[in-house]
């Protein structure tokens, strides 16, 4: 099935090899789009996230023979990997079809794969080999492992140094900091595909690790980035609290984040936190306070600084201003968002800006247009939905909620009923609080006046699904 793990067999995955994809796996739009960018890191990220559940970076890194930190940097790098030997190897490991590749697979690599001996196991000798030959293979493998251990390579690996810093009080070094930065970025990426309730444990453990490492950081070179990561982690935990409907705990966590932002001088982190807080105010219909929070956030990233963050904040302000019916101010804010986005590099600016793609800006445009009853709202909404990746679950949930609301407003109940099942399914599956709130708002606005069979059934379906 498209979008699920394309297993060829369970045994292949258990042995540390990636599953063999089904015939149409590589024909999915997001994989073809990533290939067109000629950036293997983006192709790897699409490969992970298109599957249900998403493949974790640690698992894919193991298949490719690299570390999770290396994979994270490859996925997020501005400049793509150009080493043809590595590209050749990775493409073959993942069974990427030739028609998607922008480089030629070398004949030597193909020949080498053809003559690889069968995997030798302790349980059963390889066909055609006697016990002596098999034993020599095993002893040779054991000798390599012993040599690596004896040389201290494994003991001094970055992940071992991290464990020693946590468990034995070893002073934190730059490699450990880099490993934690990669892990923080991975958690931010994961939140867009995994519900908040499933992420909470991993994130709180990550915070505990950062707390321990901060106690073992001996220099500003290691302490400062760890403190920033702590702030980023606190901000994300606050968002998970918000997603779980625990608003007071979200606010307490964001207060702690603002203190970290002040202590570290990280104005962009303060802006991110205030913008997150605006969602909490908006969900309580405190539109004035939400706008005030967003304007405070804008003050923290003036001029040309943090363009992706500024674009997102301006787009959020447009949403809230449109709820007040202030069309002029809302469209001006939207214009500021588009202007800033021209200079934005969301994938590399900060860990929280990866979500803010052109499609996500399109989502803010749709919600703003809808609130203003803008004549282009329907066209913008349909265009957005058509462009969304199936793996962009949160954005898809919000877009479907907005489209359903728009269909009801225009009294196109056939279209609304065609959308509502998908809207509810994605919203419940991902736990996207923004989509849930918008669907509940729609349900509360529906009455049985005029067309009771249409509006009543739609309202009951929303309430029964989201309140059970």
Protein backbone atom coordinates (compact mmCIF):
# COMPACT_ATOMS: atom_id res chain seq x y z
CA UNK A 1 0.00 0.00 0.00
CA UNK A 2 1.30 3.45 -0.85
CA UNK A 3 2.63 5.37 2.11
CA UNK A 4 3.30 2.31 4.27
CA UNK A 5 6.63 0.56 4.85
CA UNK A 6 7.40 -1.07 1.49
CA UNK A 7 8.52 -4.36 3.01
CA UNK A 8 9.87 -7.03 0.74
CA UNK A 9 10.30 -9.26 3.79
CA UNK A 10 10.54 -8.90 7.54
CA UNK A 11 13.77 -10.91 7.58
CA UNK A 12 15.59 -8.40 5.38
CA UNK A 13 14.83 -5.57 7.78
CA UNK A 14 15.74 -7.69 10.79
CA UNK A 15 19.17 -8.35 9.25
CA UNK A 16 19.86 -4.63 8.96
CA UNK A 17 18.92 -4.23 5.29
CA UNK A 18 16.19 -1.87 4.09
CA UNK A 19 12.94 -3.39 2.79
CA UNK A 20 12.53 -3.85 -0.94
CA UNK A 21 9.95 -1.27 -2.14
CA UNK A 22 6.72 -2.20 -3.81
CA UNK A 23 6.44 -1.43 -7.51
CA UNK A 24 4.79 2.00 -7.19
CA UNK A 25 6.61 3.21 -4.06
CA UNK A 26 9.06 5.48 -5.90
CA UNK A 27 6.31 6.99 -8.08
CA UNK A 28 4.87 9.00 -5.18
CA UNK A 29 4.89 12.73 -5.80
CA UNK A 30 7.10 13.80 -2.91
CA UNK A 31 9.81 11.29 -3.85
CA UNK A 32 9.78 12.36 -7.49
CA UNK A 33 9.84 16.02 -6.44
CA UNK A 34 12.84 15.41 -4.15
CA UNK A 35 14.66 13.63 -6.97
CA UNK A 36 14.05 16.60 -9.28
CA UNK A 37 15.89 18.82 -6.77
CA UNK A 38 19.02 16.67 -7.25
CA UNK A 39 19.60 16.75 -3.50
CA UNK A 40 20.03 13.23 -2.11
CA UNK A 41 19.50 14.47 1.45
CA UNK A 42 15.99 15.65 0.58
CA UNK A 43 15.35 12.39 -1.21
CA UNK A 44 16.39 10.53 1.95
CA UNK A 45 14.10 12.66 4.10
CA UNK A 46 11.16 12.09 1.73
CA UNK A 47 11.95 8.35 1.74
CA UNK A 48 11.69 8.32 5.55
CA UNK A 49 8.59 10.42 5.96
CA UNK A 50 6.47 9.02 3.13
CA UNK A 51 6.16 5.75 5.02
CA UNK A 52 3.65 4.94 7.76
CA UNK A 53 4.95 4.99 10.40
CA UNK A 54 7.88 7.17 9.31
CA UNK A 55 11.30 5.51 9.23
CA UNK A 56 13.46 6.94 12.02
CA UNK A 57 16.79 8.58 11.21
CA UNK A 58 18.65 6.05 13.35
CA UNK A 59 17.26 3.15 11.33
CA UNK A 60 17.93 4.70 7.93
CA UNK A 61 21.42 5.75 9.03
CA UNK A 62 22.13 2.13 9.99
CA UNK A 63 21.08 0.94 6.56
CA UNK A 64 23.34 3.49 4.89
CA UNK A 65 26.32 2.78 7.15
CA UNK A 66 26.51 6.28 8.64
CA UNK A 67 25.60 7.84 11.98
CA UNK A 68 22.26 9.45 12.77
CA UNK A 69 24.04 12.78 13.15
CA UNK A 70 25.58 12.48 9.70
CA UNK A 71 22.21 11.64 8.18
CA UNK A 72 20.59 14.62 9.90
CA UNK A 73 23.23 16.97 8.48
CA UNK A 74 22.90 15.44 4.98
CA UNK A 75 19.11 15.91 5.04
CA UNK A 76 19.30 19.52 6.24
CA UNK A 77 22.35 20.67 4.27
CA UNK A 78 21.96 23.53 1.81
CA UNK A 79 24.59 22.06 -0.52
CA UNK A 80 23.86 18.47 -1.64
CA UNK A 81 26.30 15.57 -1.37
CA UNK A 82 28.32 15.30 -4.60
CA UNK A 83 30.48 12.27 -3.80
CA UNK A 84 29.46 9.86 -6.56
CA UNK A 85 30.83 6.85 -4.70
CA UNK A 86 28.56 7.54 -1.73
CA UNK A 87 25.58 8.42 -3.91
CA UNK A 88 26.08 5.22 -5.88
CA UNK A 89 26.23 3.13 -2.71
CA UNK A 90 23.20 4.74 -1.03
CA UNK A 91 21.06 4.52 -4.17
CA UNK A 92 21.76 0.80 -4.44
CA UNK A 93 21.14 0.12 -0.75
CA UNK A 94 17.69 1.73 -0.97
CA UNK A 95 16.86 0.27 -4.42
CA UNK A 96 16.31 3.73 -5.95
CA UNK A 97 15.29 3.18 -9.58
CA UNK A 98 17.62 4.55 -12.25
CA UNK A 99 15.02 6.82 -13.81
CA UNK A 100 14.92 8.93 -10.63
CA UNK A 101 18.68 9.38 -10.40
CA UNK A 102 20.57 12.35 -11.83
CA UNK A 103 23.86 10.43 -11.90
CA UNK A 104 24.90 7.17 -13.51
CA UNK A 105 25.43 4.10 -11.37
CA UNK A 106 28.96 2.83 -11.92
CA UNK A 107 29.37 -0.59 -13.54
CA UNK A 108 31.97 -1.60 -10.96
CA UNK A 109 29.48 -1.17 -8.15
CA UNK A 110 26.99 -3.33 -10.03
CA UNK A 111 29.56 -6.06 -10.59
CA UNK A 112 30.60 -5.97 -6.96
CA UNK A 113 27.03 -6.45 -5.81
CA UNK A 114 26.60 -9.37 -8.18
CA UNK A 115 29.53 -11.32 -6.69
CA UNK A 116 28.91 -10.62 -2.99
CA UNK A 117 28.97 -13.90 -1.03
CA UNK A 118 25.78 -14.92 0.76
CA UNK A 119 25.38 -13.75 4.36
CA UNK A 120 26.88 -16.24 6.78
CA UNK A 121 25.07 -16.97 10.03
CA UNK A 122 25.75 -19.14 13.03
CA UNK A 123 22.51 -21.02 12.61
CA UNK A 124 22.95 -22.36 9.10
CA UNK A 125 26.00 -22.65 6.81
CA UNK A 126 25.87 -20.89 3.45
CA UNK A 127 25.03 -23.15 0.56
CA UNK A 128 28.16 -24.68 -0.98
CA UNK A 129 30.46 -23.90 1.96
CA UNK A 130 31.83 -26.41 4.40
CA UNK A 131 32.17 -25.81 8.11
CA UNK A 132 35.85 -24.82 7.90
CA UNK A 133 35.20 -22.05 5.38
CA UNK A 134 32.25 -20.77 7.40
CA UNK A 135 34.35 -20.79 10.57
CA UNK A 136 37.07 -18.72 8.88
CA UNK A 137 34.46 -16.10 7.88
CA UNK A 138 33.21 -15.86 11.44
CA UNK A 139 36.71 -15.67 12.94
CA UNK A 140 37.67 -12.96 10.47
CA UNK A 141 34.58 -10.91 11.39
CA UNK A 142 35.30 -11.39 15.09
CA UNK A 143 38.90 -10.32 14.55
CA UNK A 144 37.81 -7.07 12.90
CA UNK A 145 35.48 -6.29 15.80
CA UNK A 146 38.21 -7.09 18.34
CA UNK A 147 40.70 -4.86 16.53
CA UNK A 148 38.21 -1.97 16.54
CA UNK A 149 37.56 -2.42 20.24
CA UNK A 150 41.27 -2.75 21.01
CA UNK A 151 42.10 0.43 19.12
CA UNK A 152 39.66 2.43 21.20
CA UNK A 153 37.58 3.48 18.16
CA UNK A 154 34.30 2.30 19.64
CA UNK A 155 35.10 3.63 23.10
CA UNK A 156 35.77 7.09 21.69
CA UNK A 157 32.79 7.24 19.34
CA UNK A 158 30.62 10.39 19.71
CA UNK A 159 27.65 8.45 21.08
CA UNK A 160 29.90 6.73 23.65
CA UNK A 161 31.24 10.11 24.73
CA UNK A 162 27.63 11.28 25.12
CA UNK A 163 26.83 8.29 27.31
CA UNK A 164 29.96 8.90 29.38
CA UNK A 165 28.98 12.55 29.86
CA UNK A 166 25.52 11.53 31.07
CA UNK A 167 26.49 8.49 33.17
CA UNK A 168 30.05 9.23 34.31
CA UNK A 169 30.29 13.01 34.38
CA UNK A 170 32.72 13.23 31.46
CA UNK A 171 33.17 16.88 30.38
CA UNK A 172 31.07 17.70 27.34
CA UNK A 173 33.00 18.09 24.07
CA UNK A 174 31.97 19.66 20.73
CA UNK A 175 31.14 16.26 19.19
CA UNK A 176 28.62 15.62 21.96
CA UNK A 177 27.10 19.06 21.39
CA UNK A 178 26.78 18.32 17.66
CA UNK A 179 25.11 14.99 18.42
CA UNK A 180 22.55 16.70 20.65
CA UNK A 181 21.91 19.40 18.04
CA UNK A 182 21.15 16.70 15.49
CA UNK A 183 18.85 14.97 17.97
CA UNK A 184 17.02 18.23 18.73
CA UNK A 185 16.52 18.89 15.02
CA UNK A 186 15.22 15.35 14.51
CA UNK A 187 12.64 15.82 17.29
CA UNK A 188 11.39 19.01 15.66
CA UNK A 189 11.10 17.20 12.32
CA UNK A 190 9.29 14.25 13.91
CA UNK A 191 6.58 16.38 15.53
CA UNK A 192 4.99 17.07 12.13
CA UNK A 193 4.34 13.37 11.51
CA UNK A 194 3.81 11.96 15.01
CA UNK A 195 1.01 12.88 17.47
CA UNK A 196 1.99 14.87 20.57
CA UNK A 197 1.07 12.10 22.99
CA UNK A 198 3.54 9.74 21.28
CA UNK A 199 6.37 12.27 21.34
CA UNK A 200 6.08 13.50 24.88
CA UNK A 201 8.18 10.80 26.54
CA UNK A 202 11.05 11.15 24.04
CA UNK A 203 11.08 14.90 24.43
CA UNK A 204 11.10 14.91 28.23
CA UNK A 205 13.97 12.39 28.20
CA UNK A 206 15.83 14.67 25.79
CA UNK A 207 15.33 17.58 28.19
CA UNK A 208 16.66 15.46 31.07
CA UNK A 209 19.76 14.59 29.03
CA UNK A 210 20.36 18.26 28.24
CA UNK A 211 20.03 19.12 31.93
CA UNK A 212 22.72 16.59 32.84
CA UNK A 213 25.02 17.72 30.03
CA UNK A 214 24.69 21.36 31.08
CA UNK A 215 25.96 20.32 34.51
CA UNK A 216 29.00 18.72 32.84
CA UNK A 217 29.75 21.55 30.40
CA UNK A 218 33.03 23.19 31.42
CA UNK A 219 33.32 25.95 28.82
CA UNK A 220 31.09 28.53 27.15
CA UNK A 221 31.79 26.83 23.80
CA UNK A 222 29.82 23.79 24.94
CA UNK A 223 27.53 25.38 27.53
CA UNK A 224 25.99 28.10 25.33
CA UNK A 225 24.66 25.85 22.52
CA UNK A 226 23.36 23.37 25.11
CA UNK A 227 21.46 26.20 26.82
CA UNK A 228 19.94 27.24 23.48
CA UNK A 229 18.91 23.61 22.83
CA UNK A 230 17.30 23.53 26.26
CA UNK A 231 15.24 26.58 25.30
CA UNK A 232 14.24 25.05 21.97
CA UNK A 233 13.25 21.83 23.73
CA UNK A 234 11.21 23.68 26.36
CA UNK A 235 9.40 25.58 23.61
CA UNK A 236 8.52 22.34 21.83
CA UNK A 237 7.33 20.71 25.06
CA UNK A 238 5.09 23.75 25.56
CA UNK A 239 3.64 23.18 22.10
CA UNK A 240 2.96 19.53 22.93
CA UNK A 241 1.12 20.64 26.06
CA UNK A 242 -0.95 22.99 23.89
CA UNK A 243 -1.65 20.20 21.39
CA UNK A 244 -2.81 17.99 24.25
CA UNK A 245 -5.22 20.65 25.52
CA UNK A 246 -3.12 21.45 28.61
CA UNK A 247 -2.97 25.21 28.13
CA UNK A 248 -1.86 26.26 31.61
CA UNK A 249 1.10 23.87 31.51
CA UNK A 250 1.97 25.17 28.05
CA UNK A 251 2.03 28.74 29.36
CA UNK A 252 4.24 27.75 32.33
CA UNK A 253 6.68 26.01 29.99
CA UNK A 254 6.82 28.99 27.65
CA UNK A 255 7.57 31.29 30.61
CA UNK A 256 10.56 29.10 31.35
CA UNK A 257 11.56 29.28 27.67
CA UNK A 258 11.44 33.09 27.67
CA UNK A 259 13.78 33.14 30.67
CA UNK A 260 16.24 30.92 28.80
CA UNK A 261 15.93 33.15 25.72
CA UNK A 262 16.71 36.20 27.86
CA UNK A 263 19.66 34.52 29.60
CA UNK A 264 21.19 33.36 26.32
CA UNK A 265 20.36 36.52 24.36
CA UNK A 266 18.49 34.41 21.80
CA UNK A 267 15.92 36.88 20.49
CA UNK A 268 14.68 34.52 17.76
CA UNK A 269 13.88 31.90 20.40
CA UNK A 270 11.88 34.52 22.31
CA UNK A 271 9.99 35.38 19.11
CA UNK A 272 9.24 31.71 18.43
CA UNK A 273 7.93 31.25 21.97
CA UNK A 274 5.68 34.32 21.85
CA UNK A 275 4.27 33.25 18.48
CA UNK A 276 3.48 29.80 19.89
CA UNK A 277 1.77 31.48 22.84
CA UNK A 278 -0.43 33.41 20.42
CA UNK A 279 -2.06 30.12 19.38
CA UNK A 280 -3.08 29.50 22.98
CA UNK A 281 -4.61 32.98 23.26
CA UNK A 282 -6.33 32.57 19.90
CA UNK A 283 -7.80 29.20 20.90
CA UNK A 284 -9.46 30.98 23.84
CA UNK A 285 -10.84 33.69 21.51
CA UNK A 286 -8.53 36.25 23.12
CA UNK A 287 -7.76 37.80 19.75
CA UNK A 288 -6.45 41.10 21.11
CA UNK A 289 -3.88 39.42 23.41
CA UNK A 290 -2.90 37.07 20.56
CA UNK A 291 -2.13 40.01 18.28
CA UNK A 292 -0.20 41.72 21.08
CA UNK A 293 1.95 38.59 21.56
CA UNK A 294 2.65 38.45 17.82
CA UNK A 295 3.70 42.09 17.69
CA UNK A 296 6.01 41.53 20.64
CA UNK A 297 7.44 38.57 18.73
CA UNK A 298 8.03 40.76 15.67
CA UNK A 299 9.94 43.24 17.83
CA UNK A 300 12.41 40.49 18.74
CA UNK A 301 13.36 39.80 15.10
CA UNK A 302 13.59 43.21 13.42
CA UNK A 303 15.06 44.15 10.05
CA UNK A 304 16.61 41.35 8.04
CA UNK A 305 17.11 38.94 10.94
CA UNK A 306 15.47 35.49 10.98
CA UNK A 307 13.36 35.92 7.80
CA UNK A 308 11.57 32.55 8.06
CA UNK A 309 10.56 33.28 11.65
CA UNK A 310 9.45 36.81 10.72
CA UNK A 311 7.42 35.50 7.79
CA UNK A 312 5.63 32.97 10.00
CA UNK A 313 4.87 35.58 12.68
CA UNK A 314 3.45 38.01 10.11
CA UNK A 315 1.30 35.23 8.62
CA UNK A 316 -0.01 34.39 12.09
CA UNK A 317 -0.84 38.06 12.66
CA UNK A 318 -2.75 38.09 9.38
CA UNK A 319 -4.85 35.16 10.63
CA UNK A 320 -5.75 36.88 13.90
CA UNK A 321 -6.42 40.28 12.28
CA UNK A 322 -8.74 38.60 9.78
CA UNK A 323 -10.75 37.19 12.70
CA UNK A 324 -11.32 40.80 13.79
CA UNK A 325 -12.51 41.63 10.28
CA UNK A 326 -9.65 44.12 9.76
CA UNK A 327 -9.12 43.37 6.08
CA UNK A 328 -6.60 46.14 5.40
CA UNK A 329 -4.31 45.25 8.30
CA UNK A 330 -4.64 41.50 7.64
CA UNK A 331 -3.67 41.79 3.98
CA UNK A 332 -0.75 44.06 4.88
CA UNK A 333 0.49 41.50 7.38
CA UNK A 334 0.16 38.81 4.72
CA UNK A 335 2.17 40.97 2.33
CA UNK A 336 4.93 41.29 4.96
CA UNK A 337 4.90 37.52 5.32
CA UNK A 338 5.43 37.00 1.59
CA UNK A 339 8.15 39.64 1.42
CA UNK A 340 10.11 38.07 4.29
CA UNK A 341 9.61 34.59 2.83
CA UNK A 342 11.52 35.64 -0.31
CA UNK A 343 14.66 35.76 1.88
CA UNK A 344 13.84 32.77 4.09
CA UNK A 345 15.71 29.49 4.26
CA UNK A 346 13.33 27.54 6.52
CA UNK A 347 15.25 24.26 6.43
CA UNK A 348 18.45 25.82 7.77
CA UNK A 349 17.45 28.95 9.72
CA UNK A 350 16.42 27.35 13.03
CA UNK A 351 15.15 23.95 14.14
CA UNK A 352 11.57 25.23 14.38
CA UNK A 353 11.38 26.82 10.91
CA UNK A 354 11.55 23.57 8.92
CA UNK A 355 7.75 23.35 8.91
CA UNK A 356 7.30 26.77 7.33
CA UNK A 357 7.36 25.81 3.67
CA UNK A 358 5.65 27.63 0.82
CA UNK A 359 2.70 25.29 1.34
CA UNK A 360 2.41 26.27 4.99
CA UNK A 361 2.44 29.94 4.03
CA UNK A 362 -0.31 29.02 1.60
CA UNK A 363 -2.27 27.57 4.51
CA UNK A 364 -2.09 30.86 6.39
CA UNK A 365 -3.22 32.63 3.25
CA UNK A 366 -6.25 30.33 2.95
CA UNK A 367 -7.33 30.79 6.57
CA UNK A 368 -6.92 34.57 6.29
CA UNK A 369 -8.90 34.71 3.04
CA UNK A 370 -11.64 32.53 4.54
CA UNK A 371 -12.09 34.75 7.58
CA UNK A 372 -12.27 37.80 5.29
CA UNK A 373 -14.65 36.10 2.81
CA UNK A 374 -12.09 36.91 0.15
CA UNK A 375 -13.24 35.98 -3.39
CA UNK A 376 -10.05 33.95 -3.98
CA UNK A 377 -10.48 31.77 -0.88
CA UNK A 378 -11.87 28.70 -2.66
CA UNK A 379 -9.26 28.72 -5.43
CA UNK A 380 -6.44 29.17 -2.91
CA UNK A 381 -7.75 26.33 -0.72
CA UNK A 382 -8.11 23.86 -3.60
CA UNK A 383 -4.66 24.74 -4.93
CA UNK A 384 -3.13 24.25 -1.48
CA UNK A 385 -4.72 20.85 -0.92
CA UNK A 386 -3.56 19.60 -4.32
CA UNK A 387 0.03 20.62 -3.55
CA UNK A 388 0.31 19.05 -0.08
CA UNK A 389 2.44 15.98 0.45
CA UNK A 390 0.59 13.01 1.97
CA UNK A 391 3.24 12.98 4.73
CA UNK A 392 2.62 16.60 5.73
CA UNK A 393 -0.08 15.42 8.10
CA UNK A 394 -0.57 18.48 10.29
CA UNK A 395 -0.78 20.90 7.38
CA UNK A 396 -3.13 18.51 5.60
CA UNK A 397 -5.42 18.30 8.64
CA UNK A 398 -5.63 22.09 8.86
CA UNK A 399 -6.21 22.48 5.12
CA UNK A 400 -9.00 19.89 5.11
CA UNK A 401 -10.67 21.56 8.10
CA UNK A 402 -10.53 24.92 6.31
CA UNK A 403 -11.87 23.47 3.06
CA UNK A 404 -14.76 21.79 4.87
CA UNK A 405 -15.62 25.06 6.59
CA UNK A 406 -15.46 26.91 3.28
CA UNK A 407 -17.75 24.36 1.62
CA UNK A 408 -20.33 24.81 4.40
CA UNK A 409 -20.16 28.60 4.11
CA UNK A 410 -20.88 28.38 0.40
CA UNK A 411 -23.66 25.83 1.11
CA UNK A 412 -21.87 23.17 -0.95
CA UNK A 413 -22.87 20.38 1.42
CA UNK A 414 -22.01 17.60 -1.03
CA UNK A 415 -18.41 18.85 -1.10
CA UNK A 416 -18.37 19.27 2.69
CA UNK A 417 -19.53 15.69 3.20
CA UNK A 418 -16.92 14.46 0.72
CA UNK A 419 -14.17 16.19 2.73
CA UNK A 420 -15.25 15.60 6.32
CA UNK A 421 -14.19 11.94 6.62
CA UNK A 422 -10.61 12.70 5.59
CA UNK A 423 -10.56 15.86 7.70
CA UNK A 424 -11.63 13.98 10.83
CA UNK A 425 -9.37 10.99 10.15
CA UNK A 426 -6.18 13.05 9.74
CA UNK A 427 -7.07 15.33 12.65
CA UNK A 428 -7.66 12.45 15.07
CA UNK A 429 -4.70 10.42 13.84
CA UNK A 430 -2.22 13.30 14.19
CA UNK A 431 -3.80 15.02 17.17
CA UNK A 432 -3.55 18.38 15.40
CA UNK A 433 -5.13 20.79 17.86
CA UNK A 434 -5.54 23.65 15.36
CA UNK A 435 -7.55 21.47 12.96
CA UNK A 436 -9.58 20.07 15.85
CA UNK A 437 -10.41 23.55 17.08
CA UNK A 438 -11.51 24.69 13.62
CA UNK A 439 -13.74 21.67 13.11
CA UNK A 440 -15.37 22.14 16.53
CA UNK A 441 -15.92 25.80 15.69
CA UNK A 442 -17.60 24.70 12.47
CA UNK A 443 -19.81 22.24 14.37
CA UNK A 444 -20.92 24.90 16.86
CA UNK A 445 -21.87 27.21 13.98
CA UNK A 446 -23.97 24.59 12.22
CA UNK A 447 -27.72 24.69 12.85
CA UNK A 448 -30.58 22.62 11.57
CA UNK A 449 -32.20 25.69 10.05
CA UNK A 450 -32.66 25.55 6.30
CA UNK A 451 -31.18 22.13 5.59
CA UNK A 452 -31.41 19.97 8.71
CA UNK A 453 -30.47 16.71 7.02
CA UNK A 454 -27.20 18.19 5.74
CA UNK A 455 -26.02 20.41 8.59
CA UNK A 456 -27.34 18.26 11.41
CA UNK A 457 -25.63 15.09 10.20
CA UNK A 458 -22.37 16.96 9.58
CA UNK A 459 -22.45 18.55 13.03
CA UNK A 460 -23.18 15.23 14.74
CA UNK A 461 -20.37 13.49 12.85
CA UNK A 462 -17.83 16.13 13.95
CA UNK A 463 -18.95 16.15 17.58
CA UNK A 464 -19.19 12.37 17.90
CA UNK A 465 -15.72 11.89 16.41
CA UNK A 466 -13.84 14.65 18.24
CA UNK A 467 -15.49 14.36 21.66
CA UNK A 468 -15.47 10.63 22.18
